[in-house]
PDB file of N, CA and C in Angstrom:
ATOM      1  N   MET A   1     -19.686 -16.602  -2.742  1.00  0.00           N
ATOM      2  CA  MET A   1     -20.311 -16.399  -4.022  1.00  0.00           C
ATOM      3  C   MET A   1     -19.221 -16.032  -5.032  1.00  0.00           C
ATOM      4  N   THR A   2     -19.310 -16.613  -6.178  1.00  0.00           N
ATOM      5  CA  THR A   2     -18.398 -16.284  -7.269  1.00  0.00           C
ATOM      6  C   THR A   2     -19.156 -15.427  -8.265  1.00  0.00           C
ATOM      7  N   MET A   3     -18.475 -14.385  -8.739  1.00  0.00           N
ATOM      8  CA  MET A   3     -19.111 -13.480  -9.680  1.00  0.00           C
ATOM      9  C   MET A   3     -18.123 -13.183 -10.803  1.00  0.00           C
ATOM     10  N   LYS A   4     -18.618 -13.157 -11.994  1.00  0.00           N
ATOM     11  CA  LYS A   4     -17.783 -12.760 -13.122  1.00  0.00           C
ATOM     12  C   LYS A   4     -18.056 -11.290 -13.401  1.00  0.00           C
ATOM     13  N   LEU A   5     -16.969 -10.546 -13.521  1.00  0.00           N
ATOM     14  CA  LEU A   5     -17.089  -9.106 -13.716  1.00  0.00           C
ATOM     15  C   LEU A   5     -16.308  -8.716 -14.951  1.00  0.00           C
ATOM     16  N   GLU A   6     -16.953  -8.026 -15.859  1.00  0.00           N
ATOM     17  CA  GLU A   6     -16.270  -7.528 -17.046  1.00  0.00           C
ATOM     18  C   GLU A   6     -16.013  -6.040 -16.839  1.00  0.00           C
ATOM     19  N   ILE A   7     -14.736  -5.668 -16.934  1.00  0.00           N
ATOM     20  CA  ILE A   7     -14.374  -4.261 -16.775  1.00  0.00           C
ATOM     21  C   ILE A   7     -13.566  -3.826 -17.988  1.00  0.00           C
ATOM     22  N   PRO A   8     -13.529  -2.534 -18.264  1.00  0.00           N
ATOM     23  CA  PRO A   8     -12.767  -2.044 -19.416  1.00  0.00           C
ATOM     24  C   PRO A   8     -11.286  -2.437 -19.298  1.00  0.00           C
ATOM     25  N   ALA A   9     -10.644  -2.578 -20.430  1.00  0.00           N
ATOM     26  CA  ALA A   9      -9.240  -3.003 -20.482  1.00  0.00           C
ATOM     27  C   ALA A   9      -8.334  -2.085 -19.671  1.00  0.00           C
ATOM     28  N   GLU A  10      -8.610  -0.774 -19.692  1.00  0.00           N
ATOM     29  CA  GLU A  10      -7.781   0.183 -18.944  1.00  0.00           C
ATOM     30  C   GLU A  10      -7.848  -0.096 -17.444  1.00  0.00           C
ATOM     31  N   LEU A  11      -9.059  -0.392 -16.942  1.00  0.00           N
ATOM     32  CA  LEU A  11      -9.190  -0.715 -15.518  1.00  0.00           C
ATOM     33  C   LEU A  11      -8.533  -2.049 -15.196  1.00  0.00           C
ATOM     34  N   GLN A  12      -8.683  -3.007 -16.079  1.00  0.00           N
ATOM     35  CA  GLN A  12      -8.055  -4.315 -15.864  1.00  0.00           C
ATOM     36  C   GLN A  12      -6.540  -4.174 -15.802  1.00  0.00           C
ATOM     37  N   SER A  13      -5.985  -3.325 -16.654  1.00  0.00           N
ATOM     38  CA  SER A  13      -4.541  -3.089 -16.633  1.00  0.00           C
ATOM     39  C   SER A  13      -4.101  -2.485 -15.306  1.00  0.00           C
ATOM     40  N   ARG A  14      -4.883  -1.559 -14.794  1.00  0.00           N
ATOM     41  CA  ARG A  14      -4.550  -0.940 -13.505  1.00  0.00           C
ATOM     42  C   ARG A  14      -4.640  -1.955 -12.375  1.00  0.00           C
ATOM     43  N   VAL A  15      -5.688  -2.760 -12.373  1.00  0.00           N
ATOM     44  CA  VAL A  15      -5.833  -3.796 -11.344  1.00  0.00           C
ATOM     45  C   VAL A  15      -4.661  -4.773 -11.416  1.00  0.00           C
ATOM     46  N   ASP A  16      -4.310  -5.190 -12.616  1.00  0.00           N
ATOM     47  CA  ASP A  16      -3.192  -6.121 -12.794  1.00  0.00           C
ATOM     48  C   ASP A  16      -1.875  -5.501 -12.322  1.00  0.00           C
ATOM     49  N   ALA A  17      -1.676  -4.212 -12.596  1.00  0.00           N
ATOM     50  CA  ALA A  17      -0.447  -3.536 -12.172  1.00  0.00           C
ATOM     51  C   ALA A  17      -0.382  -3.442 -10.647  1.00  0.00           C
ATOM     52  N   ILE A  18      -1.504  -3.156 -10.005  1.00  0.00           N
ATOM     53  CA  ILE A  18      -1.540  -3.107  -8.545  1.00  0.00           C
ATOM     54  C   ILE A  18      -1.246  -4.490  -7.980  1.00  0.00           C
ATOM     55  N   ALA A  19      -1.834  -5.507  -8.561  1.00  0.00           N
ATOM     56  CA  ALA A  19      -1.600  -6.879  -8.096  1.00  0.00           C
ATOM     57  C   ALA A  19      -0.129  -7.257  -8.244  1.00  0.00           C
ATOM     58  N   ALA A  20       0.498  -6.838  -9.324  1.00  0.00           N
ATOM     59  CA  ALA A  20       1.910  -7.168  -9.560  1.00  0.00           C
ATOM     60  C   ALA A  20       2.811  -6.478  -8.534  1.00  0.00           C
ATOM     61  N   ARG A  21       2.409  -5.310  -8.048  1.00  0.00           N
ATOM     62  CA  ARG A  21       3.215  -4.554  -7.085  1.00  0.00           C
ATOM     63  C   ARG A  21       2.932  -4.947  -5.641  1.00  0.00           C
ATOM     64  N   SER A  22       1.879  -5.689  -5.412  1.00  0.00           N
ATOM     65  CA  SER A  22       1.483  -6.040  -4.050  1.00  0.00           C
ATOM     66  C   SER A  22       1.425  -7.558  -3.919  1.00  0.00           C
ATOM     67  N   SER A  23       1.011  -8.008  -2.773  1.00  0.00           N
ATOM     68  CA  SER A  23       0.864  -9.449  -2.558  1.00  0.00           C
ATOM     69  C   SER A  23      -0.596  -9.873  -2.733  1.00  0.00           C
ATOM     70  N   LEU A  24      -1.379  -9.039  -3.385  1.00  0.00           N
ATOM     71  CA  LEU A  24      -2.800  -9.316  -3.560  1.00  0.00           C
ATOM     72  C   LEU A  24      -3.110  -9.797  -4.971  1.00  0.00           C
ATOM     73  N   SER A  25      -4.157 -10.595  -5.089  1.00  0.00           N
ATOM     74  CA  SER A  25      -4.629 -11.023  -6.402  1.00  0.00           C
ATOM     75  C   SER A  25      -5.545  -9.943  -6.967  1.00  0.00           C
ATOM     76  N   PRO A  26      -5.798  -9.976  -8.263  1.00  0.00           N
ATOM     77  CA  PRO A  26      -6.747  -9.005  -8.829  1.00  0.00           C
ATOM     78  C   PRO A  26      -8.108  -9.046  -8.116  1.00  0.00           C
ATOM     79  N   SER A  27      -8.576 -10.227  -7.762  1.00  0.00           N
ATOM     80  CA  SER A  27      -9.854 -10.332  -7.049  1.00  0.00           C
ATOM     81  C   SER A  27      -9.788  -9.639  -5.697  1.00  0.00           C
ATOM     82  N   GLU A  28      -8.664  -9.772  -5.005  1.00  0.00           N
ATOM     83  CA  GLU A  28      -8.509  -9.122  -3.706  1.00  0.00           C
ATOM     84  C   GLU A  28      -8.449  -7.605  -3.844  1.00  0.00           C
ATOM     85  N   ILE A  29      -7.844  -7.130  -4.926  1.00  0.00           N
ATOM     86  CA  ILE A  29      -7.783  -5.685  -5.188  1.00  0.00           C
ATOM     87  C   ILE A  29      -9.200  -5.134  -5.336  1.00  0.00           C
ATOM     88  N   ILE A  30     -10.000  -5.800  -6.120  1.00  0.00           N
ATOM     89  CA  ILE A  30     -11.376  -5.355  -6.357  1.00  0.00           C
ATOM     90  C   ILE A  30     -12.200  -5.479  -5.082  1.00  0.00           C
ATOM     91  N   ALA A  31     -12.032  -6.574  -4.343  1.00  0.00           N
ATOM     92  CA  ALA A  31     -12.760  -6.753  -3.084  1.00  0.00           C
ATOM     93  C   ALA A  31     -12.394  -5.645  -2.096  1.00  0.00           C
ATOM     94  N   ASP A  32     -11.112  -5.282  -2.029  1.00  0.00           N
ATOM     95  CA  ASP A  32     -10.686  -4.207  -1.137  1.00  0.00           C
ATOM     96  C   ASP A  32     -11.363  -2.894  -1.519  1.00  0.00           C
ATOM     97  N   ALA A  33     -11.444  -2.635  -2.808  1.00  0.00           N
ATOM     98  CA  ALA A  33     -12.105  -1.414  -3.270  1.00  0.00           C
ATOM     99  C   ALA A  33     -13.575  -1.408  -2.855  1.00  0.00           C
ATOM    100  N   LEU A  34     -14.226  -2.544  -2.985  1.00  0.00           N
ATOM    101  CA  LEU A  34     -15.651  -2.621  -2.653  1.00  0.00           C
ATOM    102  C   LEU A  34     -15.895  -2.618  -1.141  1.00  0.00           C
ATOM    103  N   GLN A  35     -15.089  -3.368  -0.401  1.00  0.00           N
ATOM    104  CA  GLN A  35     -15.313  -3.504   1.038  1.00  0.00           C
ATOM    105  C   GLN A  35     -14.842  -2.294   1.831  1.00  0.00           C
ATOM    106  N   ASN A  36     -13.710  -1.725   1.446  1.00  0.00           N
ATOM    107  CA  ASN A  36     -13.079  -0.684   2.241  1.00  0.00           C
ATOM    108  C   ASN A  36     -13.072   0.684   1.581  1.00  0.00           C
ATOM    109  N   GLY A  37     -13.603   0.773   0.385  1.00  0.00           N
ATOM    110  CA  GLY A  37     -13.640   2.056  -0.305  1.00  0.00           C
ATOM    111  C   GLY A  37     -12.289   2.510  -0.821  1.00  0.00           C
ATOM    112  N   HIS A  38     -11.337   1.577  -0.935  1.00  0.00           N
ATOM    113  CA  HIS A  38     -10.006   1.926  -1.431  1.00  0.00           C
ATOM    114  C   HIS A  38     -10.010   1.883  -2.955  1.00  0.00           C
ATOM    115  N   SER A  39     -10.170   3.036  -3.544  1.00  0.00           N
ATOM    116  CA  SER A  39     -10.218   3.120  -5.003  1.00  0.00           C
ATOM    117  C   SER A  39      -8.886   2.673  -5.601  1.00  0.00           C
ATOM    118  N   LEU A  40      -8.887   2.431  -6.893  1.00  0.00           N
ATOM    119  CA  LEU A  40      -7.639   2.062  -7.561  1.00  0.00           C
ATOM    120  C   LEU A  40      -6.624   3.181  -7.408  1.00  0.00           C
ATOM    121  N   GLU A  41      -7.075   4.425  -7.517  1.00  0.00           N
ATOM    122  CA  GLU A  41      -6.167   5.562  -7.349  1.00  0.00           C
ATOM    123  C   GLU A  41      -5.563   5.553  -5.940  1.00  0.00           C
ATOM    124  N   TRP A  42      -6.386   5.296  -4.924  1.00  0.00           N
ATOM    125  CA  TRP A  42      -5.883   5.241  -3.549  1.00  0.00           C
ATOM    126  C   TRP A  42      -4.845   4.141  -3.413  1.00  0.00           C
ATOM    127  N   GLN A  43      -5.145   2.963  -3.963  1.00  0.00           N
ATOM    128  CA  GLN A  43      -4.214   1.837  -3.868  1.00  0.00           C
ATOM    129  C   GLN A  43      -2.902   2.125  -4.607  1.00  0.00           C
ATOM    130  N   GLU A  44      -2.985   2.772  -5.754  1.00  0.00           N
ATOM    131  CA  GLU A  44      -1.773   3.137  -6.495  1.00  0.00           C
ATOM    132  C   GLU A  44      -0.921   4.125  -5.692  1.00  0.00           C
ATOM    133  N   ARG A  45      -1.559   5.144  -5.111  1.00  0.00           N
ATOM    134  CA  ARG A  45      -0.822   6.125  -4.300  1.00  0.00           C
ATOM    135  C   ARG A  45      -0.196   5.472  -3.072  1.00  0.00           C
ATOM    136  N   PHE A  46      -0.947   4.558  -2.437  1.00  0.00           N
ATOM    137  CA  PHE A  46      -0.430   3.848  -1.270  1.00  0.00           C
ATOM    138  C   PHE A  46       0.833   3.078  -1.631  1.00  0.00           C
ATOM    139  N   LEU A  47       0.791   2.336  -2.731  1.00  0.00           N
ATOM    140  CA  LEU A  47       1.962   1.563  -3.154  1.00  0.00           C
ATOM    141  C   LEU A  47       3.125   2.481  -3.528  1.00  0.00           C
ATOM    142  N   ASP A  48       2.837   3.632  -4.133  1.00  0.00           N
ATOM    143  CA  ASP A  48       3.896   4.607  -4.438  1.00  0.00           C
ATOM    144  C   ASP A  48       4.573   5.083  -3.156  1.00  0.00           C
ATOM    145  N   LYS A  49       3.767   5.397  -2.131  1.00  0.00           N
ATOM    146  CA  LYS A  49       4.321   5.879  -0.861  1.00  0.00           C
ATOM    147  C   LYS A  49       5.147   4.792  -0.174  1.00  0.00           C
ATOM    148  N   VAL A  50       4.682   3.554  -0.223  1.00  0.00           N
ATOM    149  CA  VAL A  50       5.442   2.446   0.367  1.00  0.00           C
ATOM    150  C   VAL A  50       6.779   2.302  -0.354  1.00  0.00           C
ATOM    151  N   ALA A  51       6.758   2.349  -1.678  1.00  0.00           N
ATOM    152  CA  ALA A  51       7.996   2.229  -2.451  1.00  0.00           C
ATOM    153  C   ALA A  51       8.955   3.369  -2.128  1.00  0.00           C
ATOM    154  N   GLU A  52       8.425   4.595  -1.970  1.00  0.00           N
ATOM    155  CA  GLU A  52       9.275   5.736  -1.597  1.00  0.00           C
ATOM    156  C   GLU A  52       9.907   5.504  -0.225  1.00  0.00           C
ATOM    157  N   GLY A  53       9.131   5.000   0.716  1.00  0.00           N
ATOM    158  CA  GLY A  53       9.648   4.740   2.056  1.00  0.00           C
ATOM    159  C   GLY A  53      10.724   3.666   2.069  1.00  0.00           C
ATOM    160  N   VAL A  54      10.509   2.608   1.313  1.00  0.00           N
ATOM    161  CA  VAL A  54      11.503   1.529   1.230  1.00  0.00           C
ATOM    162  C   VAL A  54      12.787   2.057   0.590  1.00  0.00           C
ATOM    163  N   ALA A  55      12.650   2.841  -0.465  1.00  0.00           N
ATOM    164  CA  ALA A  55      13.828   3.402  -1.135  1.00  0.00           C
ATOM    165  C   ALA A  55      14.584   4.342  -0.199  1.00  0.00           C
ATOM    166  N   SER A  56      13.866   5.158   0.559  1.00  0.00           N
ATOM    167  CA  SER A  56      14.514   6.061   1.522  1.00  0.00           C
ATOM    168  C   SER A  56      15.272   5.270   2.574  1.00  0.00           C
ATOM    169  N   ALA A  57      14.647   4.232   3.088  1.00  0.00           N
ATOM    170  CA  ALA A  57      15.306   3.400   4.103  1.00  0.00           C
ATOM    171  C   ALA A  57      16.543   2.725   3.523  1.00  0.00           C
ATOM    172  N   ALA A  58      16.452   2.268   2.276  1.00  0.00           N
ATOM    173  CA  ALA A  58      17.598   1.617   1.635  1.00  0.00           C
ATOM    174  C   ALA A  58      18.766   2.586   1.457  1.00  0.00           C
ATOM    175  N   ARG A  59      18.459   3.873   1.290  1.00  0.00           N
ATOM    176  CA  ARG A  59      19.500   4.895   1.176  1.00  0.00           C
ATOM    177  C   ARG A  59      20.012   5.346   2.548  1.00  0.00           C
ATOM    178  N   GLY A  60      19.446   4.793   3.603  1.00  0.00           N
ATOM    179  CA  GLY A  60      19.860   5.177   4.946  1.00  0.00           C
ATOM    180  C   GLY A  60      19.159   6.414   5.457  1.00  0.00           C
ATOM    181  N   GLU A  61      18.165   6.875   4.728  1.00  0.00           N
ATOM    182  CA  GLU A  61      17.413   8.063   5.131  1.00  0.00           C
ATOM    183  C   GLU A  61      16.260   7.618   6.027  1.00  0.00           C
ATOM    184  N   PHE A  62      16.606   7.364   7.256  1.00  0.00           N
ATOM    185  CA  PHE A  62      15.628   6.841   8.193  1.00  0.00           C
ATOM    186  C   PHE A  62      15.664   7.708   9.435  1.00  0.00           C
ATOM    187  N   ALA A  63      14.911   7.362  10.407  1.00  0.00           N
ATOM    188  CA  ALA A  63      14.894   8.135  11.652  1.00  0.00           C
ATOM    189  C   ALA A  63      16.266   8.086  12.310  1.00  0.00           C
ATOM    190  N   SER A  64      16.653   9.209  12.882  1.00  0.00           N
ATOM    191  CA  SER A  64      17.933   9.282  13.594  1.00  0.00           C
ATOM    192  C   SER A  64      17.805   8.554  14.930  1.00  0.00           C
ATOM    193  N   PRO A  65      18.924   8.220  15.555  1.00  0.00           N
ATOM    194  CA  PRO A  65      18.855   7.606  16.891  1.00  0.00           C
ATOM    195  C   PRO A  65      18.080   8.477  17.887  1.00  0.00           C
ATOM    196  N   ASP A  66      18.227   9.796  17.778  1.00  0.00           N
ATOM    197  CA  ASP A  66      17.473  10.690  18.666  1.00  0.00           C
ATOM    198  C   ASP A  66      15.971  10.611  18.399  1.00  0.00           C
ATOM    199  N   ASP A  67      15.596  10.523  17.117  1.00  0.00           N
ATOM    200  CA  ASP A  67      14.183  10.379  16.771  1.00  0.00           C
ATOM    201  C   ASP A  67      13.615   9.097  17.354  1.00  0.00           C
ATOM    202  N   LEU A  68      14.351   7.998  17.197  1.00  0.00           N
ATOM    203  CA  LEU A  68      13.896   6.708  17.721  1.00  0.00           C
ATOM    204  C   LEU A  68      13.788   6.742  19.242  1.00  0.00           C
ATOM    205  N   ALA A  69      14.768   7.337  19.905  1.00  0.00           N
ATOM    206  CA  ALA A  69      14.731   7.441  21.371  1.00  0.00           C
ATOM    207  C   ALA A  69      13.515   8.246  21.809  1.00  0.00           C
ATOM    208  N   GLY A  70      13.193   9.283  21.065  1.00  0.00           N
ATOM    209  CA  GLY A  70      12.013  10.090  21.391  1.00  0.00           C
ATOM    210  C   GLY A  70      10.734   9.291  21.341  1.00  0.00           C
ATOM    211  N   VAL A  71      10.602   8.442  20.332  1.00  0.00           N
ATOM    212  CA  VAL A  71       9.405   7.612  20.213  1.00  0.00           C
ATOM    213  C   VAL A  71       9.373   6.574  21.336  1.00  0.00           C
ATOM    214  N   VAL A  72      10.495   5.907  21.580  1.00  0.00           N
ATOM    215  CA  VAL A  72      10.554   4.893  22.634  1.00  0.00           C
ATOM    216  C   VAL A  72      10.238   5.524  23.985  1.00  0.00           C
ATOM    217  N   ASN A  73      10.841   6.662  24.261  1.00  0.00           N
ATOM    218  CA  ASN A  73      10.634   7.317  25.563  1.00  0.00           C
ATOM    219  C   ASN A  73       9.228   7.874  25.716  1.00  0.00           C
ATOM    220  N   LYS A  74       8.606   8.200  24.603  1.00  0.00           N
ATOM    221  CA  LYS A  74       7.241   8.729  24.658  1.00  0.00           C
ATOM    222  C   LYS A  74       6.287   7.716  25.277  1.00  0.00           C
ATOM    223  N   TYR A  75       6.527   6.441  24.997  1.00  0.00           N
ATOM    224  CA  TYR A  75       5.624   5.400  25.463  1.00  0.00           C
ATOM    225  C   TYR A  75       6.178   4.606  26.646  1.00  0.00           C
ATOM    226  N   ARG A  76       7.304   5.009  27.150  1.00  0.00           N
ATOM    227  CA  ARG A  76       7.904   4.350  28.316  1.00  0.00           C
ATOM    228  C   ARG A  76       7.215   4.874  29.572  1.00  0.00           C
ATOM    229  N   PRO A  77       6.872   3.960  30.479  1.00  0.00           N
ATOM    230  CA  PRO A  77       6.232   4.422  31.712  1.00  0.00           C
ATOM    231  C   PRO A  77       7.175   5.323  32.511  1.00  0.00           C
ATOM    232  N   SER A  78       6.625   6.308  33.163  1.00  0.00           N
ATOM    233  CA  SER A  78       7.426   7.257  33.943  1.00  0.00           C
ATOM    234  C   SER A  78       7.874   6.650  35.253  1.00  0.00           C
TER     235      SER A  78
END
């Protein structure tokens, strides 16, 4: 089903900004909000956290070799 939805300009700007930062279309952003309860605020915070994580990794601020070994060994059969 195709539906035309008119939303205030401020909301449209937020949807467009989320779409520009993600691989989703504006329609997918709205569908995600409706289907999964992911509000625009939630989606904005999620993208902020992803960007922070990518920036940290780019600076080399990632898990230490000991941290990684701990995770690998946690799930290794005894």
